[in-house]
Amino acid sequence: MFAGRSAPSFPLGVARRHGAPPTLAALAAAGLHVVGSGHFLPRGGRYDVRPLRRRPVRALRGGPQALVAAFGVRDGGVEITLLATAPECPASDVEWAMASARAMVAVDDDPTEFLAIADRHPLIATLAKRFDCRLVRTPTVFEAFTRTVIEQLVTTFEASASIRRLTWIAGAVVPGTTLRAAPTSHAVLEVPPWKLHAIGIGSRRSRTLREGARRAAALERLRDVDPELAATKLESLPGVGPWTANLVARAALGWADAVPVRDFHAHYVVTEALTGERGDDDAMLEVLAPFRPHRARVVELIMQGQIADVLPGFERMRRPLPRIDPHRREPWKY
């Protein structure tokens, strides 16, 4: 895989994989100070706090101007504390950090309209009571773009490993901690293609990733347009098709109507869950049509149900999903 080189000794996890995440006291001891805080009550339906407990501290920005968000649960709401390394943190940075932190945990995503639609379908109504249908958003469009491009053509396991390795070599460290922020476009462009290849990002995805990094400013401007139009604009990038465009629009812009067309598994899972029979992308779009403009929430609920093995009549072991092509387990080639 590493073209004759020994495998790099990258710590493939983050803080939560190598011990407990830092506490507020530990962050203060590292030189970070509180620059903002807030308590927010999620609106509409069940709010799942497990992601907050798994990752209670997240780096929004690394380097000398680092910003960190710490999350907690109190009085039925989400408590967000912002910390910075710089002695003086501009008000605009604090405003951006708070908006980013709120988006990362979806406290402002109100699914009330969708829940009313979901009540019309027994399965979706049941899943909506068990799982959270809110859509989180990344702090930047480029972060979502990076993750989605790396996930092209390969298995989830291989993509996750490459994302962790890229964060390790290109993500800026929060001084005094082990926290790393997601790689910026400038940092990604500084990683040579051979090194991207070494961490499992093949030439096809590497070219797409680097082209997106060059157009990072244009990617961020997509927040100012309608998400559906943004997805169309994304497809103008080389190497970006409907699958990538829809997933980026959902992850970065919170587009609740995004559908993962051309996904390897989604159309099988969604159509069988809703109709009892497996279908293609066209069949998936047809069965999801009544749920517009919240099709992404339906797909998310069904996928969570499939992972938890709670879909009625969906016998995962008896009827396995189609096999992954062997080449998809060789991510360095693609």
C-alpha atoms as a PDB file:
ATOM      1  CA  MET A   1       0.000   0.000   0.000  1.00  0.00           C
ATOM      2  CA  PHE A   2       2.787   2.373   0.832  1.00  0.00           C
ATOM      3  CA  ALA A   3       4.759   1.860  -2.391  1.00  0.00           C
ATOM      4  CA  GLY A   4       7.882   0.447  -0.841  1.00  0.00           C
ATOM      5  CA  ARG A   5       7.889   2.810   2.141  1.00  0.00           C
ATOM      6  CA  SER A   6       7.299   1.555   5.648  1.00  0.00           C
ATOM      7  CA  ALA A   7       3.827   2.318   6.928  1.00  0.00           C
ATOM      8  CA  PRO A   8       3.797   5.724   8.643  1.00  0.00           C
ATOM      9  CA  SER A   9       3.263   5.576  12.384  1.00  0.00           C
ATOM     10  CA  PHE A  10       0.249   7.887  12.429  1.00  0.00           C
ATOM     11  CA  PRO A  11      -1.869   7.767  15.578  1.00  0.00           C
ATOM     12  CA  LEU A  12      -5.070   6.955  13.732  1.00  0.00           C
ATOM     13  CA  GLY A  13      -7.429   8.150  16.433  1.00  0.00           C
ATOM     14  CA  VAL A  14      -8.172  11.419  18.143  1.00  0.00           C
ATOM     15  CA  ALA A  15      -8.278  12.323  21.821  1.00  0.00           C
ATOM     16  CA  ARG A  16     -11.276  10.143  22.572  1.00  0.00           C
ATOM     17  CA  ARG A  17      -9.435   7.082  21.191  1.00  0.00           C
ATOM     18  CA  HIS A  18      -6.352   7.681  23.287  1.00  0.00           C
ATOM     19  CA  GLY A  19      -7.768   8.390  26.709  1.00  0.00           C
ATOM     20  CA  ALA A  20     -10.417  10.686  28.073  1.00  0.00           C
ATOM     21  CA  PRO A  21     -11.043  13.989  26.254  1.00  0.00           C
ATOM     22  CA  PRO A  22      -9.640  17.086  27.960  1.00  0.00           C
ATOM     23  CA  THR A  23     -11.786  18.769  30.591  1.00  0.00           C
ATOM     24  CA  LEU A  24     -12.359  22.506  30.856  1.00  0.00           C
ATOM     25  CA  ALA A  25      -9.814  22.558  33.697  1.00  0.00           C
ATOM     26  CA  ALA A  26      -7.242  20.791  31.521  1.00  0.00           C
ATOM     27  CA  LEU A  27      -7.866  23.228  28.663  1.00  0.00           C
ATOM     28  CA  ALA A  28      -7.435  26.153  31.056  1.00  0.00           C
ATOM     29  CA  ALA A  29      -4.176  24.648  32.315  1.00  0.00           C
ATOM     30  CA  ALA A  30      -3.030  24.442  28.676  1.00  0.00           C
ATOM     31  CA  GLY A  31      -3.448  28.199  28.335  1.00  0.00           C
ATOM     32  CA  LEU A  32      -6.922  28.421  26.804  1.00  0.00           C
ATOM     33  CA  HIS A  33      -9.426  30.853  28.237  1.00  0.00           C
ATOM     34  CA  VAL A  34     -13.203  31.120  27.938  1.00  0.00           C
ATOM     35  CA  VAL A  35     -14.366  33.662  25.382  1.00  0.00           C
ATOM     36  CA  GLY A  36     -18.044  32.771  25.175  1.00  0.00           C
ATOM     37  CA  SER A  37     -20.741  30.408  26.360  1.00  0.00           C
ATOM     38  CA  GLY A  38     -24.413  29.689  25.911  1.00  0.00           C
ATOM     39  CA  HIS A  39     -27.219  27.338  26.837  1.00  0.00           C
ATOM     40  CA  PHE A  40     -29.508  26.180  24.031  1.00  0.00           C
ATOM     41  CA  LEU A  41     -32.709  24.156  24.040  1.00  0.00           C
ATOM     42  CA  PRO A  42     -33.101  21.921  20.958  1.00  0.00           C
ATOM     43  CA  ARG A  43     -36.443  22.296  19.228  1.00  0.00           C
ATOM     44  CA  GLY A  44     -38.730  19.550  18.008  1.00  0.00           C
ATOM     45  CA  GLY A  45     -38.610  15.870  18.843  1.00  0.00           C
ATOM     46  CA  ARG A  46     -36.030  13.647  20.479  1.00  0.00           C
ATOM     47  CA  TYR A  47     -32.515  15.049  20.794  1.00  0.00           C
ATOM     48  CA  ASP A  48     -29.727  12.478  20.990  1.00  0.00           C
ATOM     49  CA  VAL A  49     -26.996  13.585  23.394  1.00  0.00           C
ATOM     50  CA  ARG A  50     -24.745  10.574  22.800  1.00  0.00           C
ATOM     51  CA  PRO A  51     -22.599  12.302  20.140  1.00  0.00           C
ATOM     52  CA  LEU A  52     -21.928  15.101  22.637  1.00  0.00           C
ATOM     53  CA  ARG A  53     -20.773  12.631  25.240  1.00  0.00           C
ATOM     54  CA  ARG A  54     -18.588  10.780  22.756  1.00  0.00           C
ATOM     55  CA  ARG A  55     -16.916  14.001  21.586  1.00  0.00           C
ATOM     56  CA  PRO A  56     -17.462  16.658  24.251  1.00  0.00           C
ATOM     57  CA  VAL A  57     -14.528  18.800  23.068  1.00  0.00           C
ATOM     58  CA  ARG A  58     -13.862  19.717  19.433  1.00  0.00           C
ATOM     59  CA  ALA A  59     -11.297  21.939  17.792  1.00  0.00           C
ATOM     60  CA  LEU A  60     -12.823  24.541  15.502  1.00  0.00           C
ATOM     61  CA  ARG A  61      -9.496  26.051  14.533  1.00  0.00           C
ATOM     62  CA  GLY A  62      -5.912  25.191  15.386  1.00  0.00           C
ATOM     63  CA  GLY A  63      -2.668  27.122  15.536  1.00  0.00           C
ATOM     64  CA  PRO A  64      -1.867  30.312  17.474  1.00  0.00           C
ATOM     65  CA  GLN A  65      -5.427  31.618  16.957  1.00  0.00           C
ATOM     66  CA  ALA A  66      -7.021  28.328  18.013  1.00  0.00           C
ATOM     67  CA  LEU A  67     -10.666  28.058  18.993  1.00  0.00           C
ATOM     68  CA  VAL A  68     -12.195  25.117  20.837  1.00  0.00           C
ATOM     69  CA  ALA A  69     -15.817  24.248  21.599  1.00  0.00           C
ATOM     70  CA  ALA A  70     -16.716  22.234  24.700  1.00  0.00           C
ATOM     71  CA  PHE A  71     -20.179  20.691  24.935  1.00  0.00           C
ATOM     72  CA  GLY A  72     -22.244  19.618  27.912  1.00  0.00           C
ATOM     73  CA  VAL A  73     -25.821  18.713  28.774  1.00  0.00           C
ATOM     74  CA  ARG A  74     -27.669  20.606  31.492  1.00  0.00           C
ATOM     75  CA  ASP A  75     -31.336  21.231  32.325  1.00  0.00           C
ATOM     76  CA  GLY A  76     -32.558  19.567  29.158  1.00  0.00           C
ATOM     77  CA  GLY A  77     -30.395  21.720  26.918  1.00  0.00           C
ATOM     78  CA  VAL A  78     -26.954  21.874  25.357  1.00  0.00           C
ATOM     79  CA  GLU A  79     -24.300  24.006  26.999  1.00  0.00           C
ATOM     80  CA  ILE A  80     -21.558  25.326  24.730  1.00  0.00           C
ATOM     81  CA  THR A  81     -18.343  26.874  26.032  1.00  0.00           C
ATOM     82  CA  LEU A  82     -15.868  28.491  23.661  1.00  0.00           C
ATOM     83  CA  LEU A  83     -12.174  28.699  24.485  1.00  0.00           C
ATOM     84  CA  ALA A  84      -9.330  30.464  22.689  1.00  0.00           C
ATOM     85  CA  THR A  85      -5.550  30.549  22.914  1.00  0.00           C
ATOM     86  CA  ALA A  86      -5.030  34.149  21.835  1.00  0.00           C
ATOM     87  CA  PRO A  87      -5.176  36.770  24.616  1.00  0.00           C
ATOM     88  CA  GLU A  88      -7.586  38.852  22.539  1.00  0.00           C
ATOM     89  CA  CYS A  89     -10.211  37.109  20.463  1.00  0.00           C
ATOM     90  CA  PRO A  90     -12.135  39.314  17.996  1.00  0.00           C
ATOM     91  CA  ALA A  91     -15.890  39.420  18.424  1.00  0.00           C
ATOM     92  CA  SER A  92     -16.320  38.221  14.837  1.00  0.00           C
ATOM     93  CA  ASP A  93     -14.303  35.080  15.626  1.00  0.00           C
ATOM     94  CA  VAL A  94     -16.407  34.366  18.695  1.00  0.00           C
ATOM     95  CA  GLU A  95     -19.592  34.837  16.684  1.00  0.00           C
ATOM     96  CA  TRP A  96     -18.342  32.470  13.984  1.00  0.00           C
ATOM     97  CA  ALA A  97     -17.221  29.903  16.559  1.00  0.00           C
ATOM     98  CA  MET A  98     -20.572  29.916  18.366  1.00  0.00           C
ATOM     99  CA  ALA A  99     -22.511  29.583  15.107  1.00  0.00           C
ATOM    100  CA  SER A 100     -20.211  26.730  14.048  1.00  0.00           C
ATOM    101  CA  ALA A 101     -20.531  24.953  17.390  1.00  0.00           C
ATOM    102  CA  ARG A 102     -24.322  25.202  17.316  1.00  0.00           C
ATOM    103  CA  ALA A 103     -24.373  23.796  13.788  1.00  0.00           C
ATOM    104  CA  MET A 104     -22.052  20.916  14.725  1.00  0.00           C
ATOM    105  CA  VAL A 105     -24.585  19.650  17.277  1.00  0.00           C
ATOM    106  CA  ALA A 106     -27.719  20.711  15.353  1.00  0.00           C
ATOM    107  CA  VAL A 107     -29.337  22.593  18.222  1.00  0.00           C
ATOM    108  CA  ASP A 108     -30.975  24.987  15.758  1.00  0.00           C
ATOM    109  CA  ASP A 109     -32.259  22.319  13.364  1.00  0.00           C
ATOM    110  CA  ASP A 110     -35.998  22.110  14.001  1.00  0.00           C
ATOM    111  CA  PRO A 111     -37.523  18.902  12.542  1.00  0.00           C
ATOM    112  CA  THR A 112     -41.085  19.695  13.694  1.00  0.00           C
ATOM    113  CA  GLU A 113     -42.416  19.930  10.129  1.00  0.00           C
ATOM    114  CA  PHE A 114     -40.835  16.624   9.212  1.00  0.00           C
ATOM    115  CA  LEU A 115     -42.188  14.852  12.291  1.00  0.00           C
ATOM    116  CA  ALA A 116     -45.711  15.800  11.221  1.00  0.00           C
ATOM    117  CA  ILE A 117     -45.028  14.224   7.812  1.00  0.00           C
ATOM    118  CA  ALA A 118     -43.390  11.177   9.413  1.00  0.00           C
ATOM    119  CA  ASP A 119     -46.522  10.434  11.430  1.00  0.00           C
ATOM    120  CA  ARG A 120     -48.228   9.428   8.191  1.00  0.00           C
ATOM    121  CA  HIS A 121     -45.874   6.465   7.724  1.00  0.00           C
ATOM    122  CA  PRO A 122     -45.784   3.835  10.517  1.00  0.00           C
ATOM    123  CA  LEU A 123     -42.146   2.819  10.028  1.00  0.00           C
ATOM    124  CA  ILE A 124     -40.764   6.358   9.777  1.00  0.00           C
ATOM    125  CA  ALA A 125     -42.880   7.479  12.738  1.00  0.00           C
ATOM    126  CA  THR A 126     -41.429   4.630  14.821  1.00  0.00           C
ATOM    127  CA  LEU A 127     -37.863   5.385  13.758  1.00  0.00           C
ATOM    128  CA  ALA A 128     -38.321   9.110  14.453  1.00  0.00           C
ATOM    129  CA  LYS A 129     -39.258   8.297  18.042  1.00  0.00           C
ATOM    130  CA  ARG A 130     -36.163   6.136  18.490  1.00  0.00           C
ATOM    131  CA  PHE A 131     -33.507   8.073  16.584  1.00  0.00           C
ATOM    132  CA  ASP A 132     -32.617  11.742  16.131  1.00  0.00           C
ATOM    133  CA  CYS A 133     -33.386  13.035  12.636  1.00  0.00           C
ATOM    134  CA  ARG A 134     -31.558  16.351  12.998  1.00  0.00           C
ATOM    135  CA  LEU A 135     -28.827  17.183  10.509  1.00  0.00           C
ATOM    136  CA  VAL A 136     -25.519  18.465  11.822  1.00  0.00           C
ATOM    137  CA  ARG A 137     -23.406  20.872   9.760  1.00  0.00           C
ATOM    138  CA  THR A 138     -19.657  21.250   9.440  1.00  0.00           C
ATOM    139  CA  PRO A 139     -18.001  24.593  10.298  1.00  0.00           C
ATOM    140  CA  THR A 140     -16.810  24.980   6.700  1.00  0.00           C
ATOM    141  CA  VAL A 141     -17.965  23.671   3.331  1.00  0.00           C
ATOM    142  CA  PHE A 142     -14.422  22.532   2.592  1.00  0.00           C
ATOM    143  CA  GLU A 143     -14.419  20.227   5.623  1.00  0.00           C
ATOM    144  CA  ALA A 144     -17.520  18.435   4.322  1.00  0.00           C
ATOM    145  CA  PHE A 145     -16.064  18.399   0.823  1.00  0.00           C
ATOM    146  CA  THR A 146     -12.836  16.816   2.067  1.00  0.00           C
ATOM    147  CA  ARG A 147     -14.588  14.035   3.962  1.00  0.00           C
ATOM    148  CA  THR A 148     -16.996  13.264   1.132  1.00  0.00           C
ATOM    149  CA  VAL A 149     -14.340  13.141  -1.585  1.00  0.00           C
ATOM    150  CA  ILE A 150     -12.216  10.781   0.515  1.00  0.00           C
ATOM    151  CA  GLU A 151     -15.289   8.564   0.947  1.00  0.00           C
ATOM    152  CA  GLN A 152     -15.673   8.166  -2.818  1.00  0.00           C
ATOM    153  CA  LEU A 153     -15.065   4.709  -4.334  1.00  0.00           C
ATOM    154  CA  VAL A 154     -13.853   2.985  -1.149  1.00  0.00           C
ATOM    155  CA  THR A 155     -15.246   1.310   1.947  1.00  0.00           C
ATOM    156  CA  THR A 156     -16.253   3.334   4.986  1.00  0.00           C
ATOM    157  CA  PHE A 157     -13.450   1.742   6.994  1.00  0.00           C
ATOM    158  CA  GLU A 158     -10.766   2.728   4.505  1.00  0.00           C
ATOM    159  CA  ALA A 159     -12.172   6.247   4.124  1.00  0.00           C
ATOM    160  CA  SER A 160     -12.290   6.787   7.887  1.00  0.00           C
ATOM    161  CA  ALA A 161      -8.676   5.688   8.220  1.00  0.00           C
ATOM    162  CA  SER A 162      -7.564   8.099   5.490  1.00  0.00           C
ATOM    163  CA  ILE A 163      -9.521  10.975   7.039  1.00  0.00           C
ATOM    164  CA  ARG A 164      -7.868  10.389  10.407  1.00  0.00           C
ATOM    165  CA  ARG A 165      -4.419  10.223   8.791  1.00  0.00           C
ATOM    166  CA  LEU A 166      -4.998  13.415   6.822  1.00  0.00           C
ATOM    167  CA  THR A 167      -6.117  15.176   9.994  1.00  0.00           C
ATOM    168  CA  TRP A 168      -2.952  13.979  11.711  1.00  0.00           C
ATOM    169  CA  ILE A 169      -0.577  15.261   9.025  1.00  0.00           C
ATOM    170  CA  ALA A 170      -2.447  18.405   7.938  1.00  0.00           C
ATOM    171  CA  GLY A 171      -4.754  19.422  10.784  1.00  0.00           C
ATOM    172  CA  ALA A 172      -3.490  22.315  12.924  1.00  0.00           C
ATOM    173  CA  VAL A 173      -2.882  21.452  16.581  1.00  0.00           C
ATOM    174  CA  VAL A 174      -4.465  23.393  19.415  1.00  0.00           C
ATOM    175  CA  PRO A 175      -1.379  24.477  21.421  1.00  0.00           C
ATOM    176  CA  GLY A 176      -0.919  22.598  24.674  1.00  0.00           C
ATOM    177  CA  THR A 177      -3.381  19.841  23.744  1.00  0.00           C
ATOM    178  CA  THR A 178      -3.702  16.808  21.479  1.00  0.00           C
ATOM    179  CA  LEU A 179      -6.701  18.338  19.691  1.00  0.00           C
ATOM    180  CA  ARG A 180      -6.449  18.916  15.964  1.00  0.00           C
ATOM    181  CA  ALA A 181      -8.755  20.938  13.754  1.00  0.00           C
ATOM    182  CA  ALA A 182      -9.945  19.711  10.391  1.00  0.00           C
ATOM    183  CA  PRO A 183      -7.381  20.446   7.651  1.00  0.00           C
ATOM    184  CA  THR A 184      -7.829  23.760   5.863  1.00  0.00           C
ATOM    185  CA  SER A 185      -7.617  24.125   2.101  1.00  0.00           C
ATOM    186  CA  HIS A 186      -4.143  25.670   2.375  1.00  0.00           C
ATOM    187  CA  ALA A 187      -2.936  22.776   4.527  1.00  0.00           C
ATOM    188  CA  VAL A 188      -4.292  20.185   2.095  1.00  0.00           C
ATOM    189  CA  LEU A 189      -2.549  21.853  -0.841  1.00  0.00           C
ATOM    190  CA  GLU A 190       0.733  21.627   1.064  1.00  0.00           C
ATOM    191  CA  VAL A 191       0.432  17.830   1.275  1.00  0.00           C
ATOM    192  CA  PRO A 192       2.201  16.379  -1.792  1.00  0.00           C
ATOM    193  CA  PRO A 193       0.281  13.860  -3.923  1.00  0.00           C
ATOM    194  CA  TRP A 194       2.657  11.032  -2.996  1.00  0.00           C
ATOM    195  CA  LYS A 195       1.837  11.550   0.669  1.00  0.00           C
ATOM    196  CA  LEU A 196      -1.903  11.546  -0.022  1.00  0.00           C
ATOM    197  CA  HIS A 197      -1.307   8.269  -1.856  1.00  0.00           C
ATOM    198  CA  ALA A 198       0.571   6.909   1.157  1.00  0.00           C
ATOM    199  CA  ILE A 199      -2.353   7.550   3.496  1.00  0.00           C
ATOM    200  CA  GLY A 200      -4.802   5.840   1.188  1.00  0.00           C
ATOM    201  CA  ILE A 201      -6.102   8.662  -1.032  1.00  0.00           C
ATOM    202  CA  GLY A 202      -5.525   7.559  -4.608  1.00  0.00           C
ATOM    203  CA  SER A 203      -4.861   9.736  -7.619  1.00  0.00           C
ATOM    204  CA  ARG A 204      -8.500  10.182  -8.704  1.00  0.00           C
ATOM    205  CA  ARG A 205      -9.670  11.400  -5.319  1.00  0.00           C
ATOM    206  CA  SER A 206      -6.452  13.325  -4.765  1.00  0.00           C
ATOM    207  CA  ARG A 207      -7.026  15.366  -7.920  1.00  0.00           C
ATOM    208  CA  THR A 208     -10.616  16.145  -6.908  1.00  0.00           C
ATOM    209  CA  LEU A 209      -9.585  17.057  -3.372  1.00  0.00           C
ATOM    210  CA  ARG A 210      -6.811  19.372  -4.502  1.00  0.00           C
ATOM    211  CA  GLU A 211      -9.065  21.039  -7.091  1.00  0.00           C
ATOM    212  CA  GLY A 212     -11.619  21.698  -4.356  1.00  0.00           C
ATOM    213  CA  ALA A 213      -8.879  23.112  -2.145  1.00  0.00           C
ATOM    214  CA  ARG A 214      -7.900  25.540  -4.909  1.00  0.00           C
ATOM    215  CA  ARG A 215     -11.516  26.684  -5.125  1.00  0.00           C
ATOM    216  CA  ALA A 216     -12.118  26.765  -1.382  1.00  0.00           C
ATOM    217  CA  ALA A 217     -13.310  30.381  -1.397  1.00  0.00           C
ATOM    218  CA  ALA A 218     -15.926  29.529  -4.013  1.00  0.00           C
ATOM    219  CA  LEU A 219     -17.007  26.510  -1.965  1.00  0.00           C
ATOM    220  CA  GLU A 220     -17.611  28.703   1.082  1.00  0.00           C
ATOM    221  CA  ARG A 221     -19.743  31.084  -0.997  1.00  0.00           C
ATOM    222  CA  LEU A 222     -22.174  28.219  -1.583  1.00  0.00           C
ATOM    223  CA  ARG A 223     -23.616  28.987   1.857  1.00  0.00           C
ATOM    224  CA  ASP A 224     -25.150  32.095   0.311  1.00  0.00           C
ATOM    225  CA  VAL A 225     -27.237  30.237  -2.282  1.00  0.00           C
ATOM    226  CA  ASP A 226     -30.103  27.755  -2.181  1.00  0.00           C
ATOM    227  CA  PRO A 227     -28.787  24.273  -1.246  1.00  0.00           C
ATOM    228  CA  GLU A 228     -30.255  22.658  -4.357  1.00  0.00           C
ATOM    229  CA  LEU A 229     -28.496  25.217  -6.537  1.00  0.00           C
ATOM    230  CA  ALA A 230     -25.334  24.714  -4.487  1.00  0.00           C
ATOM    231  CA  ALA A 231     -25.427  20.991  -5.245  1.00  0.00           C
ATOM    232  CA  THR A 232     -25.737  21.764  -8.945  1.00  0.00           C
ATOM    233  CA  LYS A 233     -22.777  24.135  -8.771  1.00  0.00           C
ATOM    234  CA  LEU A 234     -20.710  21.518  -6.964  1.00  0.00           C
ATOM    235  CA  GLU A 235     -21.118  19.159  -9.902  1.00  0.00           C
ATOM    236  CA  SER A 236     -19.162  21.598 -12.054  1.00  0.00           C
ATOM    237  CA  LEU A 237     -16.010  20.485 -10.214  1.00  0.00           C
ATOM    238  CA  PRO A 238     -14.039  17.685 -11.866  1.00  0.00           C
ATOM    239  CA  GLY A 239     -14.624  14.409 -10.061  1.00  0.00           C
ATOM    240  CA  VAL A 240     -17.847  15.546  -8.374  1.00  0.00           C
ATOM    241  CA  GLY A 241     -21.091  13.799  -9.292  1.00  0.00           C
ATOM    242  CA  PRO A 242     -24.590  13.725  -7.791  1.00  0.00           C
ATOM    243  CA  TRP A 243     -23.569  11.512  -4.856  1.00  0.00           C
ATOM    244  CA  THR A 244     -20.756  13.828  -3.734  1.00  0.00           C
ATOM    245  CA  ALA A 245     -22.743  16.999  -4.387  1.00  0.00           C
ATOM    246  CA  ASN A 246     -25.744  15.807  -2.385  1.00  0.00           C
ATOM    247  CA  LEU A 247     -23.684  14.637   0.561  1.00  0.00           C
ATOM    248  CA  VAL A 248     -21.688  17.875   0.718  1.00  0.00           C
ATOM    249  CA  ALA A 249     -24.886  19.957   0.521  1.00  0.00           C
ATOM    250  CA  ARG A 250     -26.362  17.947   3.345  1.00  0.00           C
ATOM    251  CA  ALA A 251     -23.269  17.936   5.589  1.00  0.00           C
ATOM    252  CA  ALA A 252     -22.194  21.546   5.032  1.00  0.00           C
ATOM    253  CA  LEU A 253     -25.463  23.327   4.275  1.00  0.00           C
ATOM    254  CA  GLY A 254     -27.929  21.200   6.210  1.00  0.00           C
ATOM    255  CA  TRP A 255     -29.946  20.444   3.066  1.00  0.00           C
ATOM    256  CA  ALA A 256     -32.752  18.272   4.406  1.00  0.00           C
ATOM    257  CA  ASP A 257     -33.835  17.135   0.938  1.00  0.00           C
ATOM    258  CA  ALA A 258     -30.503  15.676  -0.199  1.00  0.00           C
ATOM    259  CA  VAL A 259     -30.674  12.086  -1.476  1.00  0.00           C
ATOM    260  CA  PRO A 260     -27.559   9.872  -1.837  1.00  0.00           C
ATOM    261  CA  VAL A 261     -28.180   8.816  -5.429  1.00  0.00           C
ATOM    262  CA  ARG A 262     -25.529   6.481  -6.884  1.00  0.00           C
ATOM    263  CA  ASP A 263     -24.659   5.262  -3.414  1.00  0.00           C
ATOM    264  CA  PHE A 264     -23.544   1.635  -3.300  1.00  0.00           C
ATOM    265  CA  HIS A 265     -26.048   0.566  -0.626  1.00  0.00           C
ATOM    266  CA  ALA A 266     -28.594   3.336   0.024  1.00  0.00           C
ATOM    267  CA  HIS A 267     -31.104   2.453  -2.678  1.00  0.00           C
ATOM    268  CA  TYR A 268     -31.228  -1.191  -1.536  1.00  0.00           C
ATOM    269  CA  VAL A 269     -31.770  -0.301   2.107  1.00  0.00           C
ATOM    270  CA  VAL A 270     -34.269   2.532   1.578  1.00  0.00           C
ATOM    271  CA  THR A 271     -36.477   0.748  -0.934  1.00  0.00           C
ATOM    272  CA  GLU A 272     -36.592  -2.490   1.046  1.00  0.00           C
ATOM    273  CA  ALA A 273     -37.384  -0.635   4.252  1.00  0.00           C
ATOM    274  CA  LEU A 274     -40.254   1.331   2.700  1.00  0.00           C
ATOM    275  CA  THR A 275     -41.665  -1.224   0.244  1.00  0.00           C
ATOM    276  CA  GLY A 276     -40.292  -4.636   1.206  1.00  0.00           C
ATOM    277  CA  GLU A 277     -38.518  -4.959  -2.147  1.00  0.00           C
ATOM    278  CA  ARG A 278     -35.087  -3.854  -3.247  1.00  0.00           C
ATOM    279  CA  GLY A 279     -34.925  -1.241  -5.964  1.00  0.00           C
ATOM    280  CA  ASP A 280     -32.575   1.077  -7.837  1.00  0.00           C
ATOM    281  CA  ASP A 281     -32.053   4.827  -7.558  1.00  0.00           C
ATOM    282  CA  ASP A 282     -35.214   5.610  -9.517  1.00  0.00           C
ATOM    283  CA  ALA A 283     -37.263   3.428  -7.179  1.00  0.00           C
ATOM    284  CA  MET A 284     -35.655   5.107  -4.170  1.00  0.00           C
ATOM    285  CA  LEU A 285     -36.524   8.574  -5.474  1.00  0.00           C
ATOM    286  CA  GLU A 286     -40.089   7.437  -6.095  1.00  0.00           C
ATOM    287  CA  VAL A 287     -40.668   6.065  -2.589  1.00  0.00           C
ATOM    288  CA  LEU A 288     -39.030   9.121  -1.000  1.00  0.00           C
ATOM    289  CA  ALA A 289     -41.107  11.633  -2.996  1.00  0.00           C
ATOM    290  CA  PRO A 290     -43.907  11.925  -0.374  1.00  0.00           C
ATOM    291  CA  PHE A 291     -41.339  13.060   2.202  1.00  0.00           C
ATOM    292  CA  ARG A 292     -40.066  16.100   0.294  1.00  0.00           C
ATOM    293  CA  PRO A 293     -38.489  18.442   1.395  1.00  0.00           C
ATOM    294  CA  HIS A 294     -37.124  16.156   4.131  1.00  0.00           C
ATOM    295  CA  ARG A 295     -35.851  13.149   2.211  1.00  0.00           C
ATOM    296  CA  ALA A 296     -32.411  13.323   3.831  1.00  0.00           C
ATOM    297  CA  ARG A 297     -34.004  12.868   7.250  1.00  0.00           C
ATOM    298  CA  VAL A 298     -35.852   9.761   6.066  1.00  0.00           C
ATOM    299  CA  VAL A 299     -32.663   8.255   4.669  1.00  0.00           C
ATOM    300  CA  GLU A 300     -30.819   9.066   7.903  1.00  0.00           C
ATOM    301  CA  LEU A 301     -33.478   7.387  10.052  1.00  0.00           C
ATOM    302  CA  ILE A 302     -33.546   4.284   7.849  1.00  0.00           C
ATOM    303  CA  MET A 303     -29.762   4.011   7.874  1.00  0.00           C
ATOM    304  CA  GLN A 304     -29.701   4.326  11.662  1.00  0.00           C
ATOM    305  CA  GLY A 305     -32.387   1.671  11.874  1.00  0.00           C
ATOM    306  CA  GLN A 306     -30.440  -0.623   9.563  1.00  0.00           C
ATOM    307  CA  ILE A 307     -27.246  -0.215  11.595  1.00  0.00           C
ATOM    308  CA  ALA A 308     -29.160  -0.919  14.823  1.00  0.00           C
ATOM    309  CA  ASP A 309     -30.881  -3.877  13.108  1.00  0.00           C
ATOM    310  CA  VAL A 310     -34.366  -2.705  14.073  1.00  0.00           C
ATOM    311  CA  LEU A 311     -36.015  -2.433  10.653  1.00  0.00           C
ATOM    312  CA  PRO A 312     -39.076  -4.726  10.626  1.00  0.00           C
ATOM    313  CA  GLY A 313     -38.666  -7.496   8.070  1.00  0.00           C
ATOM    314  CA  PHE A 314     -35.174  -6.362   7.130  1.00  0.00           C
ATOM    315  CA  GLU A 315     -33.129  -9.433   7.964  1.00  0.00           C
ATOM    316  CA  ARG A 316     -29.594  -8.248   7.539  1.00  0.00           C
ATOM    317  CA  MET A 317     -27.961 -11.625   8.009  1.00  0.00           C
ATOM    318  CA  ARG A 318     -30.357 -13.567   5.772  1.00  0.00           C
ATOM    319  CA  ARG A 319     -30.302 -10.995   3.004  1.00  0.00           C
ATOM    320  CA  PRO A 320     -26.859  -9.385   3.060  1.00  0.00           C
ATOM    321  CA  LEU A 321     -26.162  -6.228   1.141  1.00  0.00           C
ATOM    322  CA  PRO A 322     -24.320  -6.645  -2.187  1.00  0.00           C
ATOM    323  CA  ARG A 323     -20.645  -7.379  -1.746  1.00  0.00           C
ATOM    324  CA  ILE A 324     -18.146  -4.589  -1.988  1.00  0.00           C
ATOM    325  CA  ASP A 325     -16.004  -4.974  -5.085  1.00  0.00           C
ATOM    326  CA  PRO A 326     -12.465  -6.053  -4.113  1.00  0.00           C
ATOM    327  CA  HIS A 327     -10.991  -2.902  -5.678  1.00  0.00           C
ATOM    328  CA  ARG A 328     -12.834  -0.790  -3.115  1.00  0.00           C
ATOM    329  CA  ARG A 329     -10.590  -2.272  -0.455  1.00  0.00           C
ATOM    330  CA  GLU A 330      -7.560  -0.826  -2.243  1.00  0.00           C
ATOM    331  CA  PRO A 331      -8.142   2.895  -1.660  1.00  0.00           C
ATOM    332  CA  TRP A 332      -4.635   3.958  -2.607  1.00  0.00           C
ATOM    333  CA  LYS A 333      -5.468   3.056  -6.227  1.00  0.00           C
ATOM    334  CA  TYR A 334      -8.463   5.398  -6.556  1.00  0.00           C
END
